[in-house]
Amino acid sequence: MTRVKESGDCKHSPKNRFVQNIAIVIETGKVSVTGVGENTVWRQAGGQEIVGEDAIHAAMKHVAAPKTVTVDHAITHGKVGATNGVTVMANGRKRRFCYVVEFTSTKGDKVASIQSY
């Protein structure tokens, strides 16, 4: 089971918590990403683009469960949010992550795009 340490940036901000949860879900691959739709685009660091809710959820099924996920920061402003941190795999290898999320509106409940770094 993956141990998750959340950021302190989310205490009073539902949008911050939302972008944090997107990062946790993608890093662990355990549940589906809420707020994505058929037009959501996930641009991965290697240049691959995954489009649509079904394709995004299918891609996450191939994620190996890490030992820990630590979210350093989760921040939002207007239609954009970002989350960064570190994932430690079962073999001890550490990998930094960053996700930049663009929402469809400033309400911040539907995802237009996710950029992975």
PDB file of N, CA and C in Angstrom:
ATOM      1  N   MET A   1       0.837  -1.187   0.000  1.00  0.00           N
ATOM      2  CA  MET A   1       0.000   0.000   0.000  1.00  0.00           C
ATOM      3  C   MET A   1       0.883   1.252   0.000  1.00  0.00           C
ATOM      4  N   THR A   2       0.506   2.221  -0.802  1.00  0.00           N
ATOM      5  CA  THR A   2       1.271   3.456  -0.942  1.00  0.00           C
ATOM      6  C   THR A   2       0.987   4.395   0.238  1.00  0.00           C
ATOM      7  N   ARG A   3       2.047   4.931   0.813  1.00  0.00           N
ATOM      8  CA  ARG A   3       1.921   5.946   1.867  1.00  0.00           C
ATOM      9  C   ARG A   3       1.974   7.317   1.190  1.00  0.00           C
ATOM     10  N   VAL A   4       1.001   8.179   1.498  1.00  0.00           N
ATOM     11  CA  VAL A   4       0.920   9.501   0.881  1.00  0.00           C
ATOM     12  C   VAL A   4       1.059  10.572   1.954  1.00  0.00           C
ATOM     13  N   LYS A   5       1.965  11.522   1.693  1.00  0.00           N
ATOM     14  CA  LYS A   5       2.108  12.694   2.563  1.00  0.00           C
ATOM     15  C   LYS A   5       1.646  13.902   1.756  1.00  0.00           C
ATOM     16  N   GLU A   6       0.533  14.501   2.198  1.00  0.00           N
ATOM     17  CA  GLU A   6      -0.051  15.614   1.471  1.00  0.00           C
ATOM     18  C   GLU A   6       0.631  16.931   1.818  1.00  0.00           C
ATOM     19  N   SER A   7       0.468  17.909   0.932  1.00  0.00           N
ATOM     20  CA  SER A   7       0.997  19.253   1.129  1.00  0.00           C
ATOM     21  C   SER A   7       0.171  19.998   2.171  1.00  0.00           C
ATOM     22  N   GLY A   8       0.777  20.944   2.828  1.00  0.00           N
ATOM     23  CA  GLY A   8       0.057  21.810   3.753  1.00  0.00           C
ATOM     24  C   GLY A   8      -0.651  22.951   3.033  1.00  0.00           C
ATOM     25  N   ASP A   9      -0.526  23.011   1.714  1.00  0.00           N
ATOM     26  CA  ASP A   9      -1.093  24.111   0.931  1.00  0.00           C
ATOM     27  C   ASP A   9      -2.595  23.983   0.706  1.00  0.00           C
ATOM     28  N   CYS A  10      -3.205  22.895   1.151  1.00  0.00           N
ATOM     29  CA  CYS A  10      -4.586  22.601   0.756  1.00  0.00           C
ATOM     30  C   CYS A  10      -5.618  22.830   1.852  1.00  0.00           C
ATOM     31  N   LYS A  11      -5.205  23.286   2.997  1.00  0.00           N
ATOM     32  CA  LYS A  11      -6.106  23.375   4.147  1.00  0.00           C
ATOM     33  C   LYS A  11      -7.370  24.177   3.873  1.00  0.00           C
ATOM     34  N   HIS A  12      -7.268  25.293   3.185  1.00  0.00           N
ATOM     35  CA  HIS A  12      -8.420  26.165   2.986  1.00  0.00           C
ATOM     36  C   HIS A  12      -8.727  26.395   1.506  1.00  0.00           C
ATOM     37  N   SER A  13      -8.220  25.546   0.646  1.00  0.00           N
ATOM     38  CA  SER A  13      -8.424  25.751  -0.782  1.00  0.00           C
ATOM     39  C   SER A  13      -8.853  24.453  -1.476  1.00  0.00           C
ATOM     40  N   PRO A  14     -10.129  24.356  -1.817  1.00  0.00           N
ATOM     41  CA  PRO A  14     -10.584  23.160  -2.550  1.00  0.00           C
ATOM     42  C   PRO A  14      -9.878  22.977  -3.896  1.00  0.00           C
ATOM     43  N   LYS A  15      -9.544  24.077  -4.582  1.00  0.00           N
ATOM     44  CA  LYS A  15      -8.841  23.952  -5.865  1.00  0.00           C
ATOM     45  C   LYS A  15      -7.435  23.411  -5.652  1.00  0.00           C
ATOM     46  N   ASN A  16      -6.739  23.855  -4.613  1.00  0.00           N
ATOM     47  CA  ASN A  16      -5.411  23.305  -4.314  1.00  0.00           C
ATOM     48  C   ASN A  16      -5.522  21.811  -4.029  1.00  0.00           C
ATOM     49  N   ARG A  17      -6.512  21.420  -3.231  1.00  0.00           N
ATOM     50  CA  ARG A  17      -6.705  20.004  -2.916  1.00  0.00           C
ATOM     51  C   ARG A  17      -7.008  19.214  -4.190  1.00  0.00           C
ATOM     52  N   PHE A  18      -7.775  19.800  -5.103  1.00  0.00           N
ATOM     53  CA  PHE A  18      -8.119  19.131  -6.349  1.00  0.00           C
ATOM     54  C   PHE A  18      -6.876  18.836  -7.188  1.00  0.00           C
ATOM     55  N   VAL A  19      -5.980  19.837  -7.360  1.00  0.00           N
ATOM     56  CA  VAL A  19      -4.776  19.579  -8.152  1.00  0.00           C
ATOM     57  C   VAL A  19      -3.841  18.615  -7.425  1.00  0.00           C
ATOM     58  N   GLN A  20      -3.812  18.677  -6.092  1.00  0.00           N
ATOM     59  CA  GLN A  20      -3.020  17.708  -5.331  1.00  0.00           C
ATOM     60  C   GLN A  20      -3.548  16.296  -5.572  1.00  0.00           C
ATOM     61  N   ASN A  21      -4.861  16.126  -5.530  1.00  0.00           N
ATOM     62  CA  ASN A  21      -5.449  14.801  -5.731  1.00  0.00           C
ATOM     63  C   ASN A  21      -5.180  14.263  -7.133  1.00  0.00           C
ATOM     64  N   ILE A  22      -5.150  15.145  -8.132  1.00  0.00           N
ATOM     65  CA  ILE A  22      -4.810  14.706  -9.482  1.00  0.00           C
ATOM     66  C   ILE A  22      -3.407  14.108  -9.499  1.00  0.00           C
ATOM     67  N   ALA A  23      -2.459  14.786  -8.871  1.00  0.00           N
ATOM     68  CA  ALA A  23      -1.083  14.278  -8.821  1.00  0.00           C
ATOM     69  C   ALA A  23      -1.014  12.941  -8.093  1.00  0.00           C
ATOM     70  N   ILE A  24      -1.683  12.836  -6.965  1.00  0.00           N
ATOM     71  CA  ILE A  24      -1.658  11.591  -6.185  1.00  0.00           C
ATOM     72  C   ILE A  24      -2.257  10.444  -6.983  1.00  0.00           C
ATOM     73  N   VAL A  25      -3.381  10.689  -7.633  1.00  0.00           N
ATOM     74  CA  VAL A  25      -4.034   9.655  -8.422  1.00  0.00           C
ATOM     75  C   VAL A  25      -3.138   9.197  -9.571  1.00  0.00           C
ATOM     76  N   ILE A  26      -2.524  10.145 -10.274  1.00  0.00           N
ATOM     77  CA  ILE A  26      -1.658   9.775 -11.393  1.00  0.00           C
ATOM     78  C   ILE A  26      -0.417   9.037 -10.894  1.00  0.00           C
ATOM     79  N   GLU A  27       0.184   9.511  -9.818  1.00  0.00           N
ATOM     80  CA  GLU A  27       1.393   8.871  -9.297  1.00  0.00           C
ATOM     81  C   GLU A  27       1.128   7.455  -8.777  1.00  0.00           C
ATOM     82  N   THR A  28      -0.042   7.223  -8.186  1.00  0.00           N
ATOM     83  CA  THR A  28      -0.345   5.899  -7.644  1.00  0.00           C
ATOM     84  C   THR A  28      -1.075   5.000  -8.640  1.00  0.00           C
ATOM     85  N   GLY A  29      -1.798   5.607  -9.591  1.00  0.00           N
ATOM     86  CA  GLY A  29      -2.532   4.835 -10.585  1.00  0.00           C
ATOM     87  C   GLY A  29      -3.663   4.012 -10.013  1.00  0.00           C
ATOM     88  N   LYS A  30      -4.120   4.316  -8.815  1.00  0.00           N
ATOM     89  CA  LYS A  30      -5.088   3.463  -8.136  1.00  0.00           C
ATOM     90  C   LYS A  30      -6.551   3.773  -8.406  1.00  0.00           C
ATOM     91  N   VAL A  31      -6.889   5.009  -8.662  1.00  0.00           N
ATOM     92  CA  VAL A  31      -8.283   5.371  -8.919  1.00  0.00           C
ATOM     93  C   VAL A  31      -8.345   6.317 -10.102  1.00  0.00           C
ATOM     94  N   SER A  32      -9.532   6.549 -10.591  1.00  0.00           N
ATOM     95  CA  SER A  32      -9.668   7.417 -11.755  1.00  0.00           C
ATOM     96  C   SER A  32      -9.553   8.889 -11.370  1.00  0.00           C
ATOM     97  N   VAL A  33      -9.170   9.696 -12.325  1.00  0.00           N
ATOM     98  CA  VAL A  33      -9.034  11.131 -12.122  1.00  0.00           C
ATOM     99  C   VAL A  33     -10.413  11.754 -12.274  1.00  0.00           C
ATOM    100  N   THR A  34     -10.880  12.450 -11.241  1.00  0.00           N
ATOM    101  CA  THR A  34     -12.155  13.135 -11.351  1.00  0.00           C
ATOM    102  C   THR A  34     -11.961  14.464 -12.075  1.00  0.00           C
ATOM    103  N   GLY A  35     -13.006  14.910 -12.748  1.00  0.00           N
ATOM    104  CA  GLY A  35     -12.954  16.194 -13.422  1.00  0.00           C
ATOM    105  C   GLY A  35     -12.428  16.145 -14.847  1.00  0.00           C
ATOM    106  N   VAL A  36     -11.984  14.970 -15.305  1.00  0.00           N
ATOM    107  CA  VAL A  36     -11.537  14.864 -16.696  1.00  0.00           C
ATOM    108  C   VAL A  36     -12.721  14.465 -17.562  1.00  0.00           C
ATOM    109  N   GLY A  37     -12.675  14.870 -18.830  1.00  0.00           N
ATOM    110  CA  GLY A  37     -13.750  14.561 -19.761  1.00  0.00           C
ATOM    111  C   GLY A  37     -13.198  14.093 -21.090  1.00  0.00           C
ATOM    112  N   GLU A  38     -14.057  13.996 -22.063  1.00  0.00           N
ATOM    113  CA  GLU A  38     -13.663  13.497 -23.381  1.00  0.00           C
ATOM    114  C   GLU A  38     -12.703  14.430 -24.112  1.00  0.00           C
ATOM    115  N   ASN A  39     -12.661  15.699 -23.726  1.00  0.00           N
ATOM    116  CA  ASN A  39     -11.757  16.654 -24.383  1.00  0.00           C
ATOM    117  C   ASN A  39     -10.490  16.938 -23.579  1.00  0.00           C
ATOM    118  N   THR A  40     -10.351  16.317 -22.416  1.00  0.00           N
ATOM    119  CA  THR A  40      -9.164  16.541 -21.592  1.00  0.00           C
ATOM    120  C   THR A  40      -7.940  15.940 -22.268  1.00  0.00           C
ATOM    121  N   VAL A  41      -6.844  16.697 -22.269  1.00  0.00           N
ATOM    122  CA  VAL A  41      -5.591  16.248 -22.873  1.00  0.00           C
ATOM    123  C   VAL A  41      -4.543  16.122 -21.776  1.00  0.00           C
ATOM    124  N   TRP A  42      -3.866  14.957 -21.719  1.00  0.00           N
ATOM    125  CA  TRP A  42      -2.758  14.743 -20.786  1.00  0.00           C
ATOM    126  C   TRP A  42      -1.487  14.703 -21.626  1.00  0.00           C
ATOM    127  N   ARG A  43      -0.666  15.738 -21.502  1.00  0.00           N
ATOM    128  CA  ARG A  43       0.604  15.818 -22.228  1.00  0.00           C
ATOM    129  C   ARG A  43       1.710  15.337 -21.292  1.00  0.00           C
ATOM    130  N   GLN A  44       2.323  14.236 -21.654  1.00  0.00           N
ATOM    131  CA  GLN A  44       3.350  13.639 -20.808  1.00  0.00           C
ATOM    132  C   GLN A  44       4.726  14.175 -21.174  1.00  0.00           C
ATOM    133  N   ALA A  45       5.661  14.040 -20.248  1.00  0.00           N
ATOM    134  CA  ALA A  45       7.007  14.592 -20.410  1.00  0.00           C
ATOM    135  C   ALA A  45       7.698  14.096 -21.679  1.00  0.00           C
ATOM    136  N   GLY A  46       7.465  12.885 -22.086  1.00  0.00           N
ATOM    137  CA  GLY A  46       8.108  12.324 -23.275  1.00  0.00           C
ATOM    138  C   GLY A  46       7.487  12.771 -24.581  1.00  0.00           C
ATOM    139  N   GLY A  47       6.443  13.591 -24.520  1.00  0.00           N
ATOM    140  CA  GLY A  47       5.817  14.103 -25.728  1.00  0.00           C
ATOM    141  C   GLY A  47       4.514  13.413 -26.101  1.00  0.00           C
ATOM    142  N   GLN A  48       4.187  12.321 -25.439  1.00  0.00           N
ATOM    143  CA  GLN A  48       2.955  11.608 -25.744  1.00  0.00           C
ATOM    144  C   GLN A  48       1.752  12.411 -25.244  1.00  0.00           C
ATOM    145  N   GLU A  49       0.697  12.432 -26.046  1.00  0.00           N
ATOM    146  CA  GLU A  49      -0.562  13.059 -25.656  1.00  0.00           C
ATOM    147  C   GLU A  49      -1.637  11.990 -25.541  1.00  0.00           C
ATOM    148  N   ILE A  50      -2.334  12.000 -24.424  1.00  0.00           N
ATOM    149  CA  ILE A  50      -3.438  11.074 -24.201  1.00  0.00           C
ATOM    150  C   ILE A  50      -4.691  11.931 -24.109  1.00  0.00           C
ATOM    151  N   VAL A  51      -5.686  11.610 -24.918  1.00  0.00           N
ATOM    152  CA  VAL A  51      -6.874  12.447 -25.006  1.00  0.00           C
ATOM    153  C   VAL A  51      -8.114  11.677 -24.573  1.00  0.00           C
ATOM    154  N   GLY A  52      -8.874  12.268 -23.668  1.00  0.00           N
ATOM    155  CA  GLY A  52     -10.155  11.717 -23.257  1.00  0.00           C
ATOM    156  C   GLY A  52     -10.097  10.922 -21.975  1.00  0.00           C
ATOM    157  N   GLU A  53     -11.212  10.930 -21.277  1.00  0.00           N
ATOM    158  CA  GLU A  53     -11.332  10.277 -19.972  1.00  0.00           C
ATOM    159  C   GLU A  53     -10.981   8.795 -20.023  1.00  0.00           C
ATOM    160  N   ASP A  54     -11.533   8.069 -20.980  1.00  0.00           N
ATOM    161  CA  ASP A  54     -11.276   6.623 -21.060  1.00  0.00           C
ATOM    162  C   ASP A  54      -9.800   6.321 -21.301  1.00  0.00           C
ATOM    163  N   ALA A  55      -9.167   7.071 -22.203  1.00  0.00           N
ATOM    164  CA  ALA A  55      -7.752   6.850 -22.516  1.00  0.00           C
ATOM    165  C   ALA A  55      -6.862   7.201 -21.328  1.00  0.00           C
ATOM    166  N   ILE A  56      -7.208   8.263 -20.613  1.00  0.00           N
ATOM    167  CA  ILE A  56      -6.422   8.658 -19.435  1.00  0.00           C
ATOM    168  C   ILE A  56      -6.515   7.592 -18.361  1.00  0.00           C
ATOM    169  N   HIS A  57      -7.710   7.105 -18.101  1.00  0.00           N
ATOM    170  CA  HIS A  57      -7.874   6.059 -17.088  1.00  0.00           C
ATOM    171  C   HIS A  57      -7.185   4.764 -17.503  1.00  0.00           C
ATOM    172  N   ALA A  58      -7.226   4.441 -18.792  1.00  0.00           N
ATOM    173  CA  ALA A  58      -6.544   3.233 -19.284  1.00  0.00           C
ATOM    174  C   ALA A  58      -5.032   3.356 -19.101  1.00  0.00           C
ATOM    175  N   ALA A  59      -4.474   4.536 -19.356  1.00  0.00           N
ATOM    176  CA  ALA A  59      -3.024   4.740 -19.196  1.00  0.00           C
ATOM    177  C   ALA A  59      -2.601   4.598 -17.737  1.00  0.00           C
ATOM    178  N   MET A  60      -3.458   4.991 -16.838  1.00  0.00           N
ATOM    179  CA  MET A  60      -3.109   4.923 -15.414  1.00  0.00           C
ATOM    180  C   MET A  60      -3.085   3.496 -14.879  1.00  0.00           C
ATOM    181  N   LYS A  61      -3.733   2.582 -15.550  1.00  0.00           N
ATOM    182  CA  LYS A  61      -3.742   1.183 -15.115  1.00  0.00           C
ATOM    183  C   LYS A  61      -2.351   0.558 -15.189  1.00  0.00           C
ATOM    184  N   HIS A  62      -1.427   1.174 -15.940  1.00  0.00           N
ATOM    185  CA  HIS A  62      -0.080   0.637 -16.118  1.00  0.00           C
ATOM    186  C   HIS A  62       0.930   1.233 -15.132  1.00  0.00           C
ATOM    187  N   VAL A  63       0.460   2.044 -14.202  1.00  0.00           N
ATOM    188  CA  VAL A  63       1.349   2.683 -13.230  1.00  0.00           C
ATOM    189  C   VAL A  63       1.658   1.699 -12.112  1.00  0.00           C
ATOM    190  N   ALA A  64       2.947   1.495 -11.839  1.00  0.00           N
ATOM    191  CA  ALA A  64       3.365   0.621 -10.734  1.00  0.00           C
ATOM    192  C   ALA A  64       3.150   1.348  -9.407  1.00  0.00           C
ATOM    193  N   ALA A  65       2.615   0.648  -8.440  1.00  0.00           N
ATOM    194  CA  ALA A  65       2.343   1.253  -7.132  1.00  0.00           C
ATOM    195  C   ALA A  65       3.645   1.643  -6.436  1.00  0.00           C
ATOM    196  N   PRO A  66       3.799   2.918  -6.098  1.00  0.00           N
ATOM    197  CA  PRO A  66       5.014   3.348  -5.402  1.00  0.00           C
ATOM    198  C   PRO A  66       4.930   3.065  -3.910  1.00  0.00           C
ATOM    199  N   LYS A  67       6.079   3.172  -3.250  1.00  0.00           N
ATOM    200  CA  LYS A  67       6.143   3.014  -1.798  1.00  0.00           C
ATOM    201  C   LYS A  67       5.571   4.251  -1.115  1.00  0.00           C
ATOM    202  N   THR A  68       6.001   5.440  -1.576  1.00  0.00           N
ATOM    203  CA  THR A  68       5.497   6.683  -1.006  1.00  0.00           C
ATOM    204  C   THR A  68       5.321   7.751  -2.084  1.00  0.00           C
ATOM    205  N   VAL A  69       4.404   8.659  -1.819  1.00  0.00           N
ATOM    206  CA  VAL A  69       4.225   9.865  -2.625  1.00  0.00           C
ATOM    207  C   VAL A  69       4.183  11.023  -1.644  1.00  0.00           C
ATOM    208  N   THR A  70       5.083  11.982  -1.830  1.00  0.00           N
ATOM    209  CA  THR A  70       5.113  13.179  -0.991  1.00  0.00           C
ATOM    210  C   THR A  70       4.833  14.385  -1.872  1.00  0.00           C
ATOM    211  N   VAL A  71       3.774  15.117  -1.550  1.00  0.00           N
ATOM    212  CA  VAL A  71       3.432  16.322  -2.300  1.00  0.00           C
ATOM    213  C   VAL A  71       4.048  17.509  -1.572  1.00  0.00           C
ATOM    214  N   ASP A  72       4.942  18.206  -2.251  1.00  0.00           N
ATOM    215  CA  ASP A  72       5.593  19.380  -1.655  1.00  0.00           C
ATOM    216  C   ASP A  72       4.668  20.590  -1.681  1.00  0.00           C
ATOM    217  N   HIS A  73       4.118  20.887  -2.866  1.00  0.00           N
ATOM    218  CA  HIS A  73       3.263  22.054  -3.021  1.00  0.00           C
ATOM    219  C   HIS A  73       2.110  21.762  -3.961  1.00  0.00           C
ATOM    220  N   ALA A  74       0.977  22.382  -3.682  1.00  0.00           N
ATOM    221  CA  ALA A  74      -0.186  22.359  -4.564  1.00  0.00           C
ATOM    222  C   ALA A  74      -0.729  23.784  -4.567  1.00  0.00           C
ATOM    223  N   ILE A  75      -0.646  24.434  -5.728  1.00  0.00           N
ATOM    224  CA  ILE A  75      -1.037  25.835  -5.808  1.00  0.00           C
ATOM    225  C   ILE A  75      -1.956  26.048  -7.010  1.00  0.00           C
ATOM    226  N   THR A  76      -2.829  27.045  -6.900  1.00  0.00           N
ATOM    227  CA  THR A  76      -3.714  27.387  -8.002  1.00  0.00           C
ATOM    228  C   THR A  76      -3.863  28.900  -8.081  1.00  0.00           C
ATOM    229  N   HIS A  77      -4.176  29.356  -9.276  1.00  0.00           N
ATOM    230  CA  HIS A  77      -4.507  30.765  -9.490  1.00  0.00           C
ATOM    231  C   HIS A  77      -5.336  30.851 -10.766  1.00  0.00           C
ATOM    232  N   GLY A  78      -6.547  31.337 -10.648  1.00  0.00           N
ATOM    233  CA  GLY A  78      -7.415  31.435 -11.813  1.00  0.00           C
ATOM    234  C   GLY A  78      -7.709  30.073 -12.409  1.00  0.00           C
ATOM    235  N   LYS A  79      -7.382  29.902 -13.688  1.00  0.00           N
ATOM    236  CA  LYS A  79      -7.670  28.661 -14.410  1.00  0.00           C
ATOM    237  C   LYS A  79      -6.512  27.669 -14.409  1.00  0.00           C
ATOM    238  N   VAL A  80      -5.463  27.913 -13.607  1.00  0.00           N
ATOM    239  CA  VAL A  80      -4.273  27.058 -13.641  1.00  0.00           C
ATOM    240  C   VAL A  80      -3.880  26.629 -12.231  1.00  0.00           C
ATOM    241  N   GLY A  81      -3.362  25.407 -12.129  1.00  0.00           N
ATOM    242  CA  GLY A  81      -2.839  24.908 -10.863  1.00  0.00           C
ATOM    243  C   GLY A  81      -1.615  24.057 -11.120  1.00  0.00           C
ATOM    244  N   ALA A  82      -0.813  23.856 -10.087  1.00  0.00           N
ATOM    245  CA  ALA A  82       0.384  23.021 -10.218  1.00  0.00           C
ATOM    246  C   ALA A  82       0.641  22.278  -8.919  1.00  0.00           C
ATOM    247  N   THR A  83       1.196  21.089  -9.062  1.00  0.00           N
ATOM    248  CA  THR A  83       1.557  20.255  -7.923  1.00  0.00           C
ATOM    249  C   THR A  83       2.928  19.654  -8.193  1.00  0.00           C
ATOM    250  N   ASN A  84       3.788  19.647  -7.171  1.00  0.00           N
ATOM    251  CA  ASN A  84       5.082  18.984  -7.331  1.00  0.00           C
ATOM    252  C   ASN A  84       5.407  18.178  -6.087  1.00  0.00           C
ATOM    253  N   GLY A  85       6.342  17.247  -6.247  1.00  0.00           N
ATOM    254  CA  GLY A  85       6.735  16.415  -5.124  1.00  0.00           C
ATOM    255  C   GLY A  85       7.688  15.329  -5.560  1.00  0.00           C
ATOM    256  N   VAL A  86       7.725  14.266  -4.750  1.00  0.00           N
ATOM    257  CA  VAL A  86       8.633  13.152  -5.032  1.00  0.00           C
ATOM    258  C   VAL A  86       7.911  11.831  -4.762  1.00  0.00           C
ATOM    259  N   THR A  87       8.178  10.874  -5.647  1.00  0.00           N
ATOM    260  CA  THR A  87       7.649   9.521  -5.505  1.00  0.00           C
ATOM    261  C   THR A  87       8.827   8.588  -5.268  1.00  0.00           C
ATOM    262  N   VAL A  88       8.681   7.694  -4.299  1.00  0.00           N
ATOM    263  CA  VAL A  88       9.698   6.673  -4.037  1.00  0.00           C
ATOM    264  C   VAL A  88       9.095   5.331  -4.433  1.00  0.00           C
ATOM    265  N   MET A  89       9.767   4.667  -5.363  1.00  0.00           N
ATOM    266  CA  MET A  89       9.285   3.385  -5.860  1.00  0.00           C
ATOM    267  C   MET A  89       9.633   2.265  -4.876  1.00  0.00           C
ATOM    268  N   ALA A  90       9.061   1.084  -5.092  1.00  0.00           N
ATOM    269  CA  ALA A  90       9.283  -0.059  -4.202  1.00  0.00           C
ATOM    270  C   ALA A  90      10.757  -0.433  -4.110  1.00  0.00           C
ATOM    271  N   ASN A  91      11.526  -0.189  -5.190  1.00  0.00           N
ATOM    272  CA  ASN A  91      12.955  -0.525  -5.186  1.00  0.00           C
ATOM    273  C   ASN A  91      13.826   0.589  -4.583  1.00  0.00           C
ATOM    274  N   GLY A  92      13.198   1.665  -4.087  1.00  0.00           N
ATOM    275  CA  GLY A  92      13.933   2.759  -3.457  1.00  0.00           C
ATOM    276  C   GLY A  92      14.290   3.906  -4.380  1.00  0.00           C
ATOM    277  N   ARG A  93      14.060   3.738  -5.680  1.00  0.00           N
ATOM    278  CA  ARG A  93      14.360   4.806  -6.640  1.00  0.00           C
ATOM    279  C   ARG A  93      13.423   5.981  -6.425  1.00  0.00           C
ATOM    280  N   LYS A  94      13.999   7.201  -6.384  1.00  0.00           N
ATOM    281  CA  LYS A  94      13.211   8.416  -6.212  1.00  0.00           C
ATOM    282  C   LYS A  94      13.012   9.093  -7.554  1.00  0.00           C
ATOM    283  N   ARG A  95      11.823   9.666  -7.725  1.00  0.00           N
ATOM    284  CA  ARG A  95      11.502  10.368  -8.963  1.00  0.00           C
ATOM    285  C   ARG A  95      10.694  11.611  -8.610  1.00  0.00           C
ATOM    286  N   ARG A  96      11.199  12.762  -9.055  1.00  0.00           N
ATOM    287  CA  ARG A  96      10.480  14.021  -8.851  1.00  0.00           C
ATOM    288  C   ARG A  96       9.340  14.113  -9.865  1.00  0.00           C
ATOM    289  N   PHE A  97       8.265  14.797  -9.488  1.00  0.00           N
ATOM    290  CA  PHE A  97       7.159  15.002 -10.420  1.00  0.00           C
ATOM    291  C   PHE A  97       6.637  16.427 -10.317  1.00  0.00           C
ATOM    292  N   CYS A  98       6.004  16.862 -11.394  1.00  0.00           N
ATOM    293  CA  CYS A  98       5.307  18.133 -11.429  1.00  0.00           C
ATOM    294  C   CYS A  98       4.162  18.003 -12.430  1.00  0.00           C
ATOM    295  N   TYR A  99       2.994  18.433 -12.026  1.00  0.00           N
ATOM    296  CA  TYR A  99       1.822  18.445 -12.901  1.00  0.00           C
ATOM    297  C   TYR A  99       1.280  19.865 -12.943  1.00  0.00           C
ATOM    298  N   VAL A 100       1.077  20.367 -14.150  1.00  0.00           N
ATOM    299  CA  VAL A 100       0.445  21.660 -14.348  1.00  0.00           C
ATOM    300  C   VAL A 100      -0.928  21.367 -14.936  1.00  0.00           C
ATOM    301  N   VAL A 101      -1.950  21.855 -14.254  1.00  0.00           N
ATOM    302  CA  VAL A 101      -3.325  21.563 -14.632  1.00  0.00           C
ATOM    303  C   VAL A 101      -3.999  22.847 -15.098  1.00  0.00           C
ATOM    304  N   GLU A 102      -4.628  22.793 -16.267  1.00  0.00           N
ATOM    305  CA  GLU A 102      -5.440  23.912 -16.735  1.00  0.00           C
ATOM    306  C   GLU A 102      -6.896  23.495 -16.626  1.00  0.00           C
ATOM    307  N   PHE A 103      -7.692  24.321 -15.967  1.00  0.00           N
ATOM    308  CA  PHE A 103      -9.117  24.061 -15.817  1.00  0.00           C
ATOM    309  C   PHE A 103      -9.883  24.670 -16.990  1.00  0.00           C
ATOM    310  N   THR A 104     -11.111  24.229 -17.183  1.00  0.00           N
ATOM    311  CA  THR A 104     -11.949  24.793 -18.235  1.00  0.00           C
ATOM    312  C   THR A 104     -12.490  26.165 -17.842  1.00  0.00           C
ATOM    313  N   SER A 105     -12.517  26.462 -16.538  1.00  0.00           N
ATOM    314  CA  SER A 105     -12.982  27.764 -16.046  1.00  0.00           C
ATOM    315  C   SER A 105     -12.311  28.049 -14.706  1.00  0.00           C
ATOM    316  N   THR A 106     -12.507  29.253 -14.189  1.00  0.00           N
ATOM    317  CA  THR A 106     -11.911  29.601 -12.897  1.00  0.00           C
ATOM    318  C   THR A 106     -12.571  28.861 -11.743  1.00  0.00           C
ATOM    319  N   LYS A 107     -13.713  28.265 -11.976  1.00  0.00           N
ATOM    320  CA  LYS A 107     -14.369  27.456 -10.929  1.00  0.00           C
ATOM    321  C   LYS A 107     -13.465  26.302 -10.503  1.00  0.00           C
ATOM    322  N   GLY A 108     -12.713  25.754 -11.449  1.00  0.00           N
ATOM    323  CA  GLY A 108     -11.712  24.734 -11.141  1.00  0.00           C
ATOM    324  C   GLY A 108     -12.256  23.365 -10.818  1.00  0.00           C
ATOM    325  N   ASP A 109     -13.314  22.937 -11.487  1.00  0.00           N
ATOM    326  CA  ASP A 109     -13.852  21.602 -11.224  1.00  0.00           C
ATOM    327  C   ASP A 109     -13.774  20.664 -12.425  1.00  0.00           C
ATOM    328  N   LYS A 110     -13.413  21.196 -13.580  1.00  0.00           N
ATOM    329  CA  LYS A 110     -13.250  20.378 -14.786  1.00  0.00           C
ATOM    330  C   LYS A 110     -11.888  20.667 -15.402  1.00  0.00           C
ATOM    331  N   VAL A 111     -11.200  19.605 -15.820  1.00  0.00           N
ATOM    332  CA  VAL A 111      -9.827  19.705 -16.307  1.00  0.00           C
ATOM    333  C   VAL A 111      -9.799  19.801 -17.831  1.00  0.00           C
ATOM    334  N   ALA A 112      -9.153  20.843 -18.348  1.00  0.00           N
ATOM    335  CA  ALA A 112      -8.940  20.977 -19.795  1.00  0.00           C
ATOM    336  C   ALA A 112      -7.694  20.223 -20.211  1.00  0.00           C
ATOM    337  N   SER A 113      -6.596  20.399 -19.425  1.00  0.00           N
ATOM    338  CA  SER A 113      -5.350  19.710 -19.776  1.00  0.00           C
ATOM    339  C   SER A 113      -4.484  19.489 -18.542  1.00  0.00           C
ATOM    340  N   ILE A 114      -3.636  18.482 -18.652  1.00  0.00           N
ATOM    341  CA  ILE A 114      -2.642  18.162 -17.634  1.00  0.00           C
ATOM    342  C   ILE A 114      -1.297  18.061 -18.350  1.00  0.00           C
ATOM    343  N   GLN A 115      -0.298  18.740 -17.828  1.00  0.00           N
ATOM    344  CA  GLN A 115       1.072  18.634 -18.355  1.00  0.00           C
ATOM    345  C   GLN A 115       1.914  17.916 -17.297  1.00  0.00           C
ATOM    346  N   SER A 116       2.606  16.875 -17.666  1.00  0.00           N
ATOM    347  CA  SER A 116       3.459  16.123 -16.744  1.00  0.00           C
ATOM    348  C   SER A 116       4.920  16.468 -16.975  1.00  0.00           C
ATOM    349  N   TYR A 117       5.667  16.656 -15.894  1.00  0.00           N
ATOM    350  CA  TYR A 117       7.111  16.908 -15.982  1.00  0.00           C
ATOM    351  C   TYR A 117       7.830  16.054 -14.969  1.00  0.00           C
TER     352      TYR A 117
END
